Amino acid sequence: MAEQEVGEVGHKILLGKREDIEGPKKEFIEGLKQLEEVLGDKCYFGGDTFGFVDIALIPFYSWFWAYETVANFKVEAECPKLIAWAKRCMQRESVSKSLATEKQTYDFYMNLRKILNID
């Protein structure tokens, strides 16, 4: 399923050597585009109602800034509907208070890169 692939490829971006990022970056964007295609013009993956699939996928949003920073691209430029969906989800207090901030996620991965002596 696309969300599993996005997560796995995302880790290759964040924990891979900088010179090896282009391949995973391309795969990551393709996975996001698949998710965006499933979302279509709906407000949420299930239609007009926030549901299980949205709950399962929204945690990826807090990682986007880290992916963008490390791999030098913008998710919104590639998948604007997916970002609009994520922003809609983040308007829900139950979501926004449950997720790490983009900065917290980025800092976590940068510290992990240092610990693992990557780059």
PDB file of N, CA and C in Angstrom:
ATOM      1  N   MET A   1       0.839  -1.186   0.000  1.00  0.00           N
ATOM      2  CA  MET A   1       0.000   0.000   0.000  1.00  0.00           C
ATOM      3  C   MET A   1       0.881   1.245   0.000  1.00  0.00           C
ATOM      4  N   ALA A   2       0.416   2.294  -0.597  1.00  0.00           N
ATOM      5  CA  ALA A   2       1.212   3.508  -0.798  1.00  0.00           C
ATOM      6  C   ALA A   2       1.733   4.101   0.497  1.00  0.00           C
ATOM      7  N   GLU A   3       0.913   4.136   1.559  1.00  0.00           N
ATOM      8  CA  GLU A   3       1.374   4.775   2.799  1.00  0.00           C
ATOM      9  C   GLU A   3       2.554   4.036   3.415  1.00  0.00           C
ATOM     10  N   GLN A   4       2.595   2.708   3.282  1.00  0.00           N
ATOM     11  CA  GLN A   4       3.729   1.947   3.803  1.00  0.00           C
ATOM     12  C   GLN A   4       4.980   2.267   2.990  1.00  0.00           C
ATOM     13  N   GLU A   5       4.821   2.319   1.672  1.00  0.00           N
ATOM     14  CA  GLU A   5       5.946   2.641   0.804  1.00  0.00           C
ATOM     15  C   GLU A   5       6.465   4.044   1.083  1.00  0.00           C
ATOM     16  N   VAL A   6       5.558   4.989   1.282  1.00  0.00           N
ATOM     17  CA  VAL A   6       5.956   6.364   1.574  1.00  0.00           C
ATOM     18  C   VAL A   6       6.790   6.405   2.848  1.00  0.00           C
ATOM     19  N   GLY A   7       6.362   5.697   3.875  1.00  0.00           N
ATOM     20  CA  GLY A   7       7.111   5.674   5.129  1.00  0.00           C
ATOM     21  C   GLY A   7       8.485   5.054   4.980  1.00  0.00           C
ATOM     22  N   GLU A   8       8.568   3.928   4.288  1.00  0.00           N
ATOM     23  CA  GLU A   8       9.848   3.250   4.099  1.00  0.00           C
ATOM     24  C   GLU A   8      10.810   4.091   3.271  1.00  0.00           C
ATOM     25  N   VAL A   9      10.309   4.653   2.184  1.00  0.00           N
ATOM     26  CA  VAL A   9      11.157   5.472   1.321  1.00  0.00           C
ATOM     27  C   VAL A   9      11.542   6.767   2.032  1.00  0.00           C
ATOM     28  N   GLY A  10      10.624   7.306   2.828  1.00  0.00           N
ATOM     29  CA  GLY A  10      10.930   8.507   3.596  1.00  0.00           C
ATOM     30  C   GLY A  10      12.101   8.297   4.536  1.00  0.00           C
ATOM     31  N   HIS A  11      12.170   7.129   5.161  1.00  0.00           N
ATOM     32  CA  HIS A  11      13.299   6.834   6.046  1.00  0.00           C
ATOM     33  C   HIS A  11      14.604   6.750   5.254  1.00  0.00           C
ATOM     34  N   LYS A  12      14.536   6.268   4.019  1.00  0.00           N
ATOM     35  CA  LYS A  12      15.741   6.236   3.172  1.00  0.00           C
ATOM     36  C   LYS A  12      16.233   7.652   2.892  1.00  0.00           C
ATOM     37  N   ILE A  13      15.293   8.580   2.749  1.00  0.00           N
ATOM     38  CA  ILE A  13      15.681   9.980   2.539  1.00  0.00           C
ATOM     39  C   ILE A  13      16.344  10.524   3.797  1.00  0.00           C
ATOM     40  N   LEU A  14      15.694  10.339   4.923  1.00  0.00           N
ATOM     41  CA  LEU A  14      16.164  10.956   6.159  1.00  0.00           C
ATOM     42  C   LEU A  14      17.405  10.297   6.737  1.00  0.00           C
ATOM     43  N   LEU A  15      17.575   9.002   6.483  1.00  0.00           N
ATOM     44  CA  LEU A  15      18.704   8.291   7.077  1.00  0.00           C
ATOM     45  C   LEU A  15      19.743   7.849   6.055  1.00  0.00           C
ATOM     46  N   GLY A  16      19.542   8.231   4.804  1.00  0.00           N
ATOM     47  CA  GLY A  16      20.494   7.872   3.762  1.00  0.00           C
ATOM     48  C   GLY A  16      21.567   8.927   3.581  1.00  0.00           C
ATOM     49  N   LYS A  17      22.594   8.564   2.876  1.00  0.00           N
ATOM     50  CA  LYS A  17      23.642   9.526   2.538  1.00  0.00           C
ATOM     51  C   LYS A  17      23.073  10.532   1.541  1.00  0.00           C
ATOM     52  N   ARG A  18      23.496  11.767   1.677  1.00  0.00           N
ATOM     53  CA  ARG A  18      22.942  12.841   0.840  1.00  0.00           C
ATOM     54  C   ARG A  18      23.109  12.563  -0.652  1.00  0.00           C
ATOM     55  N   GLU A  19      24.204  11.942  -1.030  1.00  0.00           N
ATOM     56  CA  GLU A  19      24.422  11.671  -2.454  1.00  0.00           C
ATOM     57  C   GLU A  19      23.514  10.552  -2.982  1.00  0.00           C
ATOM     58  N   ASP A  20      22.850   9.829  -2.097  1.00  0.00           N
ATOM     59  CA  ASP A  20      21.969   8.733  -2.506  1.00  0.00           C
ATOM     60  C   ASP A  20      20.485   9.078  -2.384  1.00  0.00           C
ATOM     61  N   ILE A  21      20.149  10.348  -2.257  1.00  0.00           N
ATOM     62  CA  ILE A  21      18.771  10.753  -1.961  1.00  0.00           C
ATOM     63  C   ILE A  21      17.873  10.836  -3.193  1.00  0.00           C
ATOM     64  N   GLU A  22      18.408  11.104  -4.356  1.00  0.00           N
ATOM     65  CA  GLU A  22      17.561  11.366  -5.531  1.00  0.00           C
ATOM     66  C   GLU A  22      16.606  10.220  -5.870  1.00  0.00           C
ATOM     67  N   GLY A  23      17.082   8.985  -5.817  1.00  0.00           N
ATOM     68  CA  GLY A  23      16.211   7.841  -6.109  1.00  0.00           C
ATOM     69  C   GLY A  23      15.060   7.725  -5.120  1.00  0.00           C
ATOM     70  N   PRO A  24      15.358   7.683  -3.817  1.00  0.00           N
ATOM     71  CA  PRO A  24      14.275   7.636  -2.834  1.00  0.00           C
ATOM     72  C   PRO A  24      13.354   8.854  -2.900  1.00  0.00           C
ATOM     73  N   LYS A  25      13.901  10.018  -3.196  1.00  0.00           N
ATOM     74  CA  LYS A  25      13.071  11.226  -3.316  1.00  0.00           C
ATOM     75  C   LYS A  25      12.031  11.044  -4.419  1.00  0.00           C
ATOM     76  N   LYS A  26      12.468  10.531  -5.546  1.00  0.00           N
ATOM     77  CA  LYS A  26      11.556  10.301  -6.674  1.00  0.00           C
ATOM     78  C   LYS A  26      10.478   9.281  -6.287  1.00  0.00           C
ATOM     79  N   GLU A  27      10.880   8.197  -5.627  1.00  0.00           N
ATOM     80  CA  GLU A  27       9.926   7.181  -5.166  1.00  0.00           C
ATOM     81  C   GLU A  27       8.939   7.761  -4.158  1.00  0.00           C
ATOM     82  N   PHE A  28       9.454   8.599  -3.264  1.00  0.00           N
ATOM     83  CA  PHE A  28       8.624   9.223  -2.240  1.00  0.00           C
ATOM     84  C   PHE A  28       7.547  10.092  -2.881  1.00  0.00           C
ATOM     85  N   ILE A  29       7.952  10.914  -3.819  1.00  0.00           N
ATOM     86  CA  ILE A  29       6.994  11.795  -4.499  1.00  0.00           C
ATOM     87  C   ILE A  29       5.959  10.968  -5.248  1.00  0.00           C
ATOM     88  N   GLU A  30       6.377   9.895  -5.887  1.00  0.00           N
ATOM     89  CA  GLU A  30       5.425   9.027  -6.598  1.00  0.00           C
ATOM     90  C   GLU A  30       4.424   8.403  -5.628  1.00  0.00           C
ATOM     91  N   GLY A  31       4.894   7.981  -4.461  1.00  0.00           N
ATOM     92  CA  GLY A  31       3.990   7.438  -3.446  1.00  0.00           C
ATOM     93  C   GLY A  31       2.984   8.467  -2.974  1.00  0.00           C
ATOM     94  N   LEU A  32       3.448   9.699  -2.765  1.00  0.00           N
ATOM     95  CA  LEU A  32       2.533  10.772  -2.370  1.00  0.00           C
ATOM     96  C   LEU A  32       1.504  11.044  -3.459  1.00  0.00           C
ATOM     97  N   LYS A  33       1.947  10.998  -4.702  1.00  0.00           N
ATOM     98  CA  LYS A  33       1.015  11.228  -5.819  1.00  0.00           C
ATOM     99  C   LYS A  33      -0.045  10.128  -5.883  1.00  0.00           C
ATOM    100  N   GLN A  34       0.341   8.907  -5.550  1.00  0.00           N
ATOM    101  CA  GLN A  34      -0.641   7.820  -5.494  1.00  0.00           C
ATOM    102  C   GLN A  34      -1.674   8.088  -4.409  1.00  0.00           C
ATOM    103  N   LEU A  35      -1.208   8.535  -3.253  1.00  0.00           N
ATOM    104  CA  LEU A  35      -2.138   8.871  -2.170  1.00  0.00           C
ATOM    105  C   LEU A  35      -3.052  10.019  -2.587  1.00  0.00           C
ATOM    106  N   GLU A  36      -2.477  11.020  -3.240  1.00  0.00           N
ATOM    107  CA  GLU A  36      -3.272  12.159  -3.682  1.00  0.00           C
ATOM    108  C   GLU A  36      -4.324  11.728  -4.704  1.00  0.00           C
ATOM    109  N   GLU A  37      -3.974  10.786  -5.545  1.00  0.00           N
ATOM    110  CA  GLU A  37      -4.932  10.267  -6.527  1.00  0.00           C
ATOM    111  C   GLU A  37      -6.103   9.574  -5.829  1.00  0.00           C
ATOM    112  N   VAL A  38      -5.815   8.818  -4.786  1.00  0.00           N
ATOM    113  CA  VAL A  38      -6.874   8.157  -4.017  1.00  0.00           C
ATOM    114  C   VAL A  38      -7.748   9.199  -3.324  1.00  0.00           C
ATOM    115  N   LEU A  39      -7.127  10.234  -2.787  1.00  0.00           N
ATOM    116  CA  LEU A  39      -7.871  11.312  -2.131  1.00  0.00           C
ATOM    117  C   LEU A  39      -8.783  12.022  -3.121  1.00  0.00           C
ATOM    118  N   GLY A  40      -8.272  12.273  -4.310  1.00  0.00           N
ATOM    119  CA  GLY A  40      -9.065  12.957  -5.334  1.00  0.00           C
ATOM    120  C   GLY A  40      -9.510  14.330  -4.865  1.00  0.00           C
ATOM    121  N   ASP A  41     -10.776  14.634  -5.093  1.00  0.00           N
ATOM    122  CA  ASP A  41     -11.336  15.931  -4.710  1.00  0.00           C
ATOM    123  C   ASP A  41     -12.108  15.869  -3.399  1.00  0.00           C
ATOM    124  N   LYS A  42     -11.974  14.761  -2.692  1.00  0.00           N
ATOM    125  CA  LYS A  42     -12.696  14.605  -1.420  1.00  0.00           C
ATOM    126  C   LYS A  42     -12.017  15.419  -0.317  1.00  0.00           C
ATOM    127  N   CYS A  43     -12.780  15.782   0.689  1.00  0.00           N
ATOM    128  CA  CYS A  43     -12.216  16.484   1.853  1.00  0.00           C
ATOM    129  C   CYS A  43     -11.309  15.560   2.650  1.00  0.00           C
ATOM    130  N   TYR A  44     -11.738  14.323   2.806  1.00  0.00           N
ATOM    131  CA  TYR A  44     -10.996  13.318   3.561  1.00  0.00           C
ATOM    132  C   TYR A  44     -10.965  12.037   2.736  1.00  0.00           C
ATOM    133  N   PHE A  45     -10.128  11.101   3.112  1.00  0.00           N
ATOM    134  CA  PHE A  45     -10.009   9.878   2.322  1.00  0.00           C
ATOM    135  C   PHE A  45     -11.316   9.095   2.273  1.00  0.00           C
ATOM    136  N   GLY A  46     -12.144   9.232   3.303  1.00  0.00           N
ATOM    137  CA  GLY A  46     -13.428   8.544   3.315  1.00  0.00           C
ATOM    138  C   GLY A  46     -14.569   9.366   2.745  1.00  0.00           C
ATOM    139  N   GLY A  47     -14.287  10.560   2.281  1.00  0.00           N
ATOM    140  CA  GLY A  47     -15.335  11.439   1.747  1.00  0.00           C
ATOM    141  C   GLY A  47     -15.396  12.738   2.528  1.00  0.00           C
ATOM    142  N   ASP A  48     -16.568  13.034   3.064  1.00  0.00           N
ATOM    143  CA  ASP A  48     -16.754  14.284   3.809  1.00  0.00           C
ATOM    144  C   ASP A  48     -16.455  14.145   5.297  1.00  0.00           C
ATOM    145  N   THR A  49     -16.179  12.936   5.738  1.00  0.00           N
ATOM    146  CA  THR A  49     -15.998  12.673   7.164  1.00  0.00           C
ATOM    147  C   THR A  49     -14.573  12.222   7.458  1.00  0.00           C
ATOM    148  N   PHE A  50     -13.970  12.819   8.466  1.00  0.00           N
ATOM    149  CA  PHE A  50     -12.654  12.417   8.950  1.00  0.00           C
ATOM    150  C   PHE A  50     -12.767  11.001   9.501  1.00  0.00           C
ATOM    151  N   GLY A  51     -11.902  10.103   9.041  1.00  0.00           N
ATOM    152  CA  GLY A  51     -12.055   8.715   9.453  1.00  0.00           C
ATOM    153  C   GLY A  51     -10.746   7.984   9.668  1.00  0.00           C
ATOM    154  N   PHE A  52     -10.855   6.669   9.687  1.00  0.00           N
ATOM    155  CA  PHE A  52      -9.751   5.779  10.013  1.00  0.00           C
ATOM    156  C   PHE A  52      -8.535   5.988   9.111  1.00  0.00           C
ATOM    157  N   VAL A  53      -8.736   6.082   7.817  1.00  0.00           N
ATOM    158  CA  VAL A  53      -7.605   6.243   6.893  1.00  0.00           C
ATOM    159  C   VAL A  53      -6.897   7.570   7.155  1.00  0.00           C
ATOM    160  N   ASP A  54      -7.668   8.614   7.416  1.00  0.00           N
ATOM    161  CA  ASP A  54      -7.073   9.915   7.732  1.00  0.00           C
ATOM    162  C   ASP A  54      -6.228   9.819   9.003  1.00  0.00           C
ATOM    163  N   ILE A  55      -6.756   9.131   9.999  1.00  0.00           N
ATOM    164  CA  ILE A  55      -6.030   8.948  11.263  1.00  0.00           C
ATOM    165  C   ILE A  55      -4.714   8.204  11.021  1.00  0.00           C
ATOM    166  N   ALA A  56      -4.752   7.210  10.148  1.00  0.00           N
ATOM    167  CA  ALA A  56      -3.555   6.416   9.868  1.00  0.00           C
ATOM    168  C   ALA A  56      -2.502   7.202   9.087  1.00  0.00           C
ATOM    169  N   LEU A  57      -2.942   8.119   8.231  1.00  0.00           N
ATOM    170  CA  LEU A  57      -2.008   8.815   7.349  1.00  0.00           C
ATOM    171  C   LEU A  57      -1.508  10.164   7.856  1.00  0.00           C
ATOM    172  N   ILE A  58      -2.295  10.852   8.658  1.00  0.00           N
ATOM    173  CA  ILE A  58      -1.920  12.219   9.046  1.00  0.00           C
ATOM    174  C   ILE A  58      -0.583  12.310   9.788  1.00  0.00           C
ATOM    175  N   PRO A  59      -0.127  11.302  10.525  1.00  0.00           N
ATOM    176  CA  PRO A  59       1.195  11.445  11.162  1.00  0.00           C
ATOM    177  C   PRO A  59       2.335  11.710  10.177  1.00  0.00           C
ATOM    178  N   PHE A  60       2.198  11.268   8.931  1.00  0.00           N
ATOM    179  CA  PHE A  60       3.235  11.533   7.933  1.00  0.00           C
ATOM    180  C   PHE A  60       3.429  13.026   7.695  1.00  0.00           C
ATOM    181  N   TYR A  61       2.381  13.795   7.889  1.00  0.00           N
ATOM    182  CA  TYR A  61       2.457  15.233   7.631  1.00  0.00           C
ATOM    183  C   TYR A  61       3.531  15.905   8.483  1.00  0.00           C
ATOM    184  N   SER A  62       3.689  15.481   9.709  1.00  0.00           N
ATOM    185  CA  SER A  62       4.694  16.110  10.575  1.00  0.00           C
ATOM    186  C   SER A  62       6.122  15.805  10.116  1.00  0.00           C
ATOM    187  N   TRP A  63       6.290  14.865   9.222  1.00  0.00           N
ATOM    188  CA  TRP A  63       7.610  14.524   8.699  1.00  0.00           C
ATOM    189  C   TRP A  63       7.940  15.276   7.417  1.00  0.00           C
ATOM    190  N   PHE A  64       6.927  15.844   6.766  1.00  0.00           N
ATOM    191  CA  PHE A  64       7.135  16.439   5.442  1.00  0.00           C
ATOM    192  C   PHE A  64       8.248  17.485   5.424  1.00  0.00           C
ATOM    193  N   TRP A  65       8.290  18.358   6.407  1.00  0.00           N
ATOM    194  CA  TRP A  65       9.305  19.411   6.410  1.00  0.00           C
ATOM    195  C   TRP A  65      10.709  18.811   6.456  1.00  0.00           C
ATOM    196  N   ALA A  66      10.887  17.755   7.222  1.00  0.00           N
ATOM    197  CA  ALA A  66      12.195  17.093   7.278  1.00  0.00           C
ATOM    198  C   ALA A  66      12.554  16.513   5.910  1.00  0.00           C
ATOM    199  N   TYR A  67      11.603  15.832   5.269  1.00  0.00           N
ATOM    200  CA  TYR A  67      11.859  15.287   3.931  1.00  0.00           C
ATOM    201  C   TYR A  67      12.214  16.406   2.963  1.00  0.00           C
ATOM    202  N   GLU A  68      11.436  17.472   3.003  1.00  0.00           N
ATOM    203  CA  GLU A  68      11.651  18.601   2.092  1.00  0.00           C
ATOM    204  C   GLU A  68      13.022  19.230   2.306  1.00  0.00           C
ATOM    205  N   THR A  69      13.406  19.396   3.551  1.00  0.00           N
ATOM    206  CA  THR A  69      14.670  20.045   3.878  1.00  0.00           C
ATOM    207  C   THR A  69      15.853  19.183   3.462  1.00  0.00           C
ATOM    208  N   VAL A  70      15.790  17.911   3.772  1.00  0.00           N
ATOM    209  CA  VAL A  70      16.895  17.008   3.452  1.00  0.00           C
ATOM    210  C   VAL A  70      17.000  16.769   1.947  1.00  0.00           C
ATOM    211  N   ALA A  71      15.863  16.603   1.264  1.00  0.00           N
ATOM    212  CA  ALA A  71      15.880  16.235  -0.157  1.00  0.00           C
ATOM    213  C   ALA A  71      15.645  17.417  -1.099  1.00  0.00           C
ATOM    214  N   ASN A  72      15.462  18.608  -0.561  1.00  0.00           N
ATOM    215  CA  ASN A  72      15.343  19.821  -1.364  1.00  0.00           C
ATOM    216  C   ASN A  72      14.193  19.784  -2.379  1.00  0.00           C
ATOM    217  N   PHE A  73      12.983  19.686  -1.866  1.00  0.00           N
ATOM    218  CA  PHE A  73      11.776  19.774  -2.687  1.00  0.00           C
ATOM    219  C   PHE A  73      10.638  20.243  -1.805  1.00  0.00           C
ATOM    220  N   LYS A  74       9.492  20.530  -2.404  1.00  0.00           N
ATOM    221  CA  LYS A  74       8.306  20.968  -1.661  1.00  0.00           C
ATOM    222  C   LYS A  74       7.155  20.017  -1.965  1.00  0.00           C
ATOM    223  N   VAL A  75       6.621  19.391  -0.938  1.00  0.00           N
ATOM    224  CA  VAL A  75       5.489  18.481  -1.114  1.00  0.00           C
ATOM    225  C   VAL A  75       4.315  19.230  -1.729  1.00  0.00           C
ATOM    226  N   GLU A  76       4.074  20.455  -1.282  1.00  0.00           N
ATOM    227  CA  GLU A  76       2.928  21.214  -1.792  1.00  0.00           C
ATOM    228  C   GLU A  76       3.029  21.456  -3.294  1.00  0.00           C
ATOM    229  N   ALA A  77       4.227  21.659  -3.817  1.00  0.00           N
ATOM    230  CA  ALA A  77       4.404  21.852  -5.257  1.00  0.00           C
ATOM    231  C   ALA A  77       4.080  20.578  -6.025  1.00  0.00           C
ATOM    232  N   GLU A  78       4.342  19.437  -5.419  1.00  0.00           N
ATOM    233  CA  GLU A  78       4.110  18.144  -6.068  1.00  0.00           C
ATOM    234  C   GLU A  78       2.689  17.627  -5.844  1.00  0.00           C
ATOM    235  N   CYS A  79       2.140  17.871  -4.661  1.00  0.00           N
ATOM    236  CA  CYS A  79       0.848  17.289  -4.262  1.00  0.00           C
ATOM    237  C   CYS A  79       0.013  18.307  -3.480  1.00  0.00           C
ATOM    238  N   PRO A  80      -0.488  19.334  -4.137  1.00  0.00           N
ATOM    239  CA  PRO A  80      -1.226  20.383  -3.418  1.00  0.00           C
ATOM    240  C   PRO A  80      -2.501  19.895  -2.734  1.00  0.00           C
ATOM    241  N   LYS A  81      -3.183  18.936  -3.321  1.00  0.00           N
ATOM    242  CA  LYS A  81      -4.414  18.423  -2.699  1.00  0.00           C
ATOM    243  C   LYS A  81      -4.103  17.670  -1.409  1.00  0.00           C
ATOM    244  N   LEU A  82      -2.986  16.987  -1.394  1.00  0.00           N
ATOM    245  CA  LEU A  82      -2.583  16.250  -0.199  1.00  0.00           C
ATOM    246  C   LEU A  82      -2.253  17.219   0.941  1.00  0.00           C
ATOM    247  N   ILE A  83      -1.602  18.319   0.616  1.00  0.00           N
ATOM    248  CA  ILE A  83      -1.296  19.323   1.640  1.00  0.00           C
ATOM    249  C   ILE A  83      -2.574  19.994   2.125  1.00  0.00           C
ATOM    250  N   ALA A  84      -3.501  20.276   1.229  1.00  0.00           N
ATOM    251  CA  ALA A  84      -4.784  20.868   1.642  1.00  0.00           C
ATOM    252  C   ALA A  84      -5.516  19.920   2.587  1.00  0.00           C
ATOM    253  N   TRP A  85      -5.489  18.623   2.279  1.00  0.00           N
ATOM    254  CA  TRP A  85      -6.090  17.616   3.167  1.00  0.00           C
ATOM    255  C   TRP A  85      -5.414  17.646   4.540  1.00  0.00           C
ATOM    256  N   ALA A  86      -4.077  17.669   4.550  1.00  0.00           N
ATOM    257  CA  ALA A  86      -3.338  17.661   5.816  1.00  0.00           C
ATOM    258  C   ALA A  86      -3.669  18.892   6.653  1.00  0.00           C
ATOM    259  N   LYS A  87      -3.763  20.033   6.017  1.00  0.00           N
ATOM    260  CA  LYS A  87      -4.104  21.262   6.748  1.00  0.00           C
ATOM    261  C   LYS A  87      -5.523  21.186   7.309  1.00  0.00           C
ATOM    262  N   ARG A  88      -6.433  20.567   6.554  1.00  0.00           N
ATOM    263  CA  ARG A  88      -7.801  20.360   7.060  1.00  0.00           C
ATOM    264  C   ARG A  88      -7.774  19.474   8.297  1.00  0.00           C
ATOM    265  N   CYS A  89      -7.014  18.406   8.220  1.00  0.00           N
ATOM    266  CA  CYS A  89      -6.898  17.494   9.365  1.00  0.00           C
ATOM    267  C   CYS A  89      -6.296  18.206  10.569  1.00  0.00           C
ATOM    268  N   MET A  90      -5.297  19.038  10.337  1.00  0.00           N
ATOM    269  CA  MET A  90      -4.620  19.732  11.433  1.00  0.00           C
ATOM    270  C   MET A  90      -5.509  20.768  12.107  1.00  0.00           C
ATOM    271  N   GLN A  91      -6.596  21.155  11.474  1.00  0.00           N
ATOM    272  CA  GLN A  91      -7.549  22.071  12.102  1.00  0.00           C
ATOM    273  C   GLN A  91      -8.318  21.382  13.224  1.00  0.00           C
ATOM    274  N   ARG A  92      -8.308  20.078  13.222  1.00  0.00           N
ATOM    275  CA  ARG A  92      -8.965  19.311  14.280  1.00  0.00           C
ATOM    276  C   ARG A  92      -8.037  19.296  15.500  1.00  0.00           C
ATOM    277  N   GLU A  93      -8.543  19.733  16.620  1.00  0.00           N
ATOM    278  CA  GLU A  93      -7.734  19.796  17.835  1.00  0.00           C
ATOM    279  C   GLU A  93      -7.184  18.422  18.211  1.00  0.00           C
ATOM    280  N   SER A  94      -7.985  17.383  18.002  1.00  0.00           N
ATOM    281  CA  SER A  94      -7.544  16.031  18.342  1.00  0.00           C
ATOM    282  C   SER A  94      -6.322  15.618  17.524  1.00  0.00           C
ATOM    283  N   VAL A  95      -6.191  16.154  16.339  1.00  0.00           N
ATOM    284  CA  VAL A  95      -5.036  15.853  15.492  1.00  0.00           C
ATOM    285  C   VAL A  95      -3.865  16.757  15.859  1.00  0.00           C
ATOM    286  N   SER A  96      -4.093  18.046  15.869  1.00  0.00           N
ATOM    287  CA  SER A  96      -2.990  18.997  16.081  1.00  0.00           C
ATOM    288  C   SER A  96      -2.309  18.815  17.433  1.00  0.00           C
ATOM    289  N   LYS A  97      -3.052  18.393  18.436  1.00  0.00           N
ATOM    290  CA  LYS A  97      -2.455  18.197  19.763  1.00  0.00           C
ATOM    291  C   LYS A  97      -1.801  16.826  19.914  1.00  0.00           C
ATOM    292  N   SER A  98      -2.018  15.945  18.958  1.00  0.00           N
ATOM    293  CA  SER A  98      -1.496  14.583  19.056  1.00  0.00           C
ATOM    294  C   SER A  98      -0.182  14.374  18.316  1.00  0.00           C
ATOM    295  N   LEU A  99       0.127  15.246  17.380  1.00  0.00           N
ATOM    296  CA  LEU A  99       1.300  15.038  16.537  1.00  0.00           C
ATOM    297  C   LEU A  99       2.483  15.883  16.979  1.00  0.00           C
ATOM    298  N   ALA A 100       3.662  15.361  16.718  1.00  0.00           N
ATOM    299  CA  ALA A 100       4.872  16.157  16.919  1.00  0.00           C
ATOM    300  C   ALA A 100       4.860  17.298  15.910  1.00  0.00           C
ATOM    301  N   THR A 101       5.528  18.380  16.255  1.00  0.00           N
ATOM    302  CA  THR A 101       5.639  19.476  15.297  1.00  0.00           C
ATOM    303  C   THR A 101       6.641  19.084  14.218  1.00  0.00           C
ATOM    304  N   GLU A 102       6.596  19.799  13.105  1.00  0.00           N
ATOM    305  CA  GLU A 102       7.547  19.536  12.029  1.00  0.00           C
ATOM    306  C   GLU A 102       8.984  19.731  12.524  1.00  0.00           C
ATOM    307  N   LYS A 103       9.206  20.735  13.337  1.00  0.00           N
ATOM    308  CA  LYS A 103      10.551  21.003  13.861  1.00  0.00           C
ATOM    309  C   LYS A 103      11.011  19.882  14.788  1.00  0.00           C
ATOM    310  N   GLN A 104      10.124  19.388  15.641  1.00  0.00           N
ATOM    311  CA  GLN A 104      10.490  18.285  16.535  1.00  0.00           C
ATOM    312  C   GLN A 104      10.897  17.055  15.729  1.00  0.00           C
ATOM    313  N   THR A 105      10.143  16.761  14.681  1.00  0.00           N
ATOM    314  CA  THR A 105      10.451  15.607  13.838  1.00  0.00           C
ATOM    315  C   THR A 105      11.785  15.802  13.125  1.00  0.00           C
ATOM    316  N   TYR A 106      11.982  16.986  12.558  1.00  0.00           N
ATOM    317  CA  TYR A 106      13.240  17.294  11.872  1.00  0.00           C
ATOM    318  C   TYR A 106      14.421  17.160  12.839  1.00  0.00           C
ATOM    319  N   ASP A 107      14.306  17.765  14.005  1.00  0.00           N
ATOM    320  CA  ASP A 107      15.389  17.707  14.992  1.00  0.00           C
ATOM    321  C   ASP A 107      15.693  16.269  15.408  1.00  0.00           C
ATOM    322  N   PHE A 108      14.649  15.464  15.570  1.00  0.00           N
ATOM    323  CA  PHE A 108      14.837  14.056  15.917  1.00  0.00           C
ATOM    324  C   PHE A 108      15.690  13.352  14.863  1.00  0.00           C
ATOM    325  N   TYR A 109      15.335  13.521  13.594  1.00  0.00           N
ATOM    326  CA  TYR A 109      16.081  12.848  12.533  1.00  0.00           C
ATOM    327  C   TYR A 109      17.490  13.398  12.379  1.00  0.00           C
ATOM    328  N   MET A 110      17.680  14.684  12.563  1.00  0.00           N
ATOM    329  CA  MET A 110      19.029  15.241  12.462  1.00  0.00           C
ATOM    330  C   MET A 110      19.908  14.714  13.597  1.00  0.00           C
ATOM    331  N   ASN A 111      19.349  14.593  14.787  1.00  0.00           N
ATOM    332  CA  ASN A 111      20.105  14.007  15.900  1.00  0.00           C
ATOM    333  C   ASN A 111      20.413  12.540  15.640  1.00  0.00           C
ATOM    334  N   LEU A 112      19.458  11.819  15.078  1.00  0.00           N
ATOM    335  CA  LEU A 112      19.678  10.415  14.748  1.00  0.00           C
ATOM    336  C   LEU A 112      20.779  10.276  13.696  1.00  0.00           C
ATOM    337  N   ARG A 113      20.797  11.166  12.716  1.00  0.00           N
ATOM    338  CA  ARG A 113      21.857  11.147  11.698  1.00  0.00           C
ATOM    339  C   ARG A 113      23.225  11.334  12.358  1.00  0.00           C
ATOM    340  N   LYS A 114      23.297  12.225  13.343  1.00  0.00           N
ATOM    341  CA  LYS A 114      24.569  12.453  14.051  1.00  0.00           C
ATOM    342  C   LYS A 114      24.987  11.204  14.819  1.00  0.00           C
ATOM    343  N   ILE A 115      24.039  10.609  15.531  1.00  0.00           N
ATOM    344  CA  ILE A 115      24.331   9.403  16.316  1.00  0.00           C
ATOM    345  C   ILE A 115      24.820   8.276  15.414  1.00  0.00           C
ATOM    346  N   LEU A 116      24.190   8.136  14.247  1.00  0.00           N
ATOM    347  CA  LEU A 116      24.548   7.072  13.304  1.00  0.00           C
ATOM    348  C   LEU A 116      25.726   7.449  12.411  1.00  0.00           C
ATOM    349  N   ASN A 117      26.247   8.660  12.611  1.00  0.00           N
ATOM    350  CA  ASN A 117      27.386   9.158  11.835  1.00  0.00           C
ATOM    351  C   ASN A 117      27.109   9.149  10.327  1.00  0.00           C
ATOM    352  N   ILE A 118      25.936   9.657   9.962  1.00  0.00           N
ATOM    353  CA  ILE A 118      25.560   9.760   8.549  1.00  0.00           C
ATOM    354  C   ILE A 118      25.925  11.158   8.083  1.00  0.00           C
ATOM    355  N   ASP A 119      26.696  11.239   7.045  1.00  0.00           N
ATOM    356  CA  ASP A 119      27.210  12.492   6.452  1.00  0.00           C
ATOM    357  C   ASP A 119      28.158  13.121   7.354  1.00  0.00           C
TER     358      ASP A 119
END
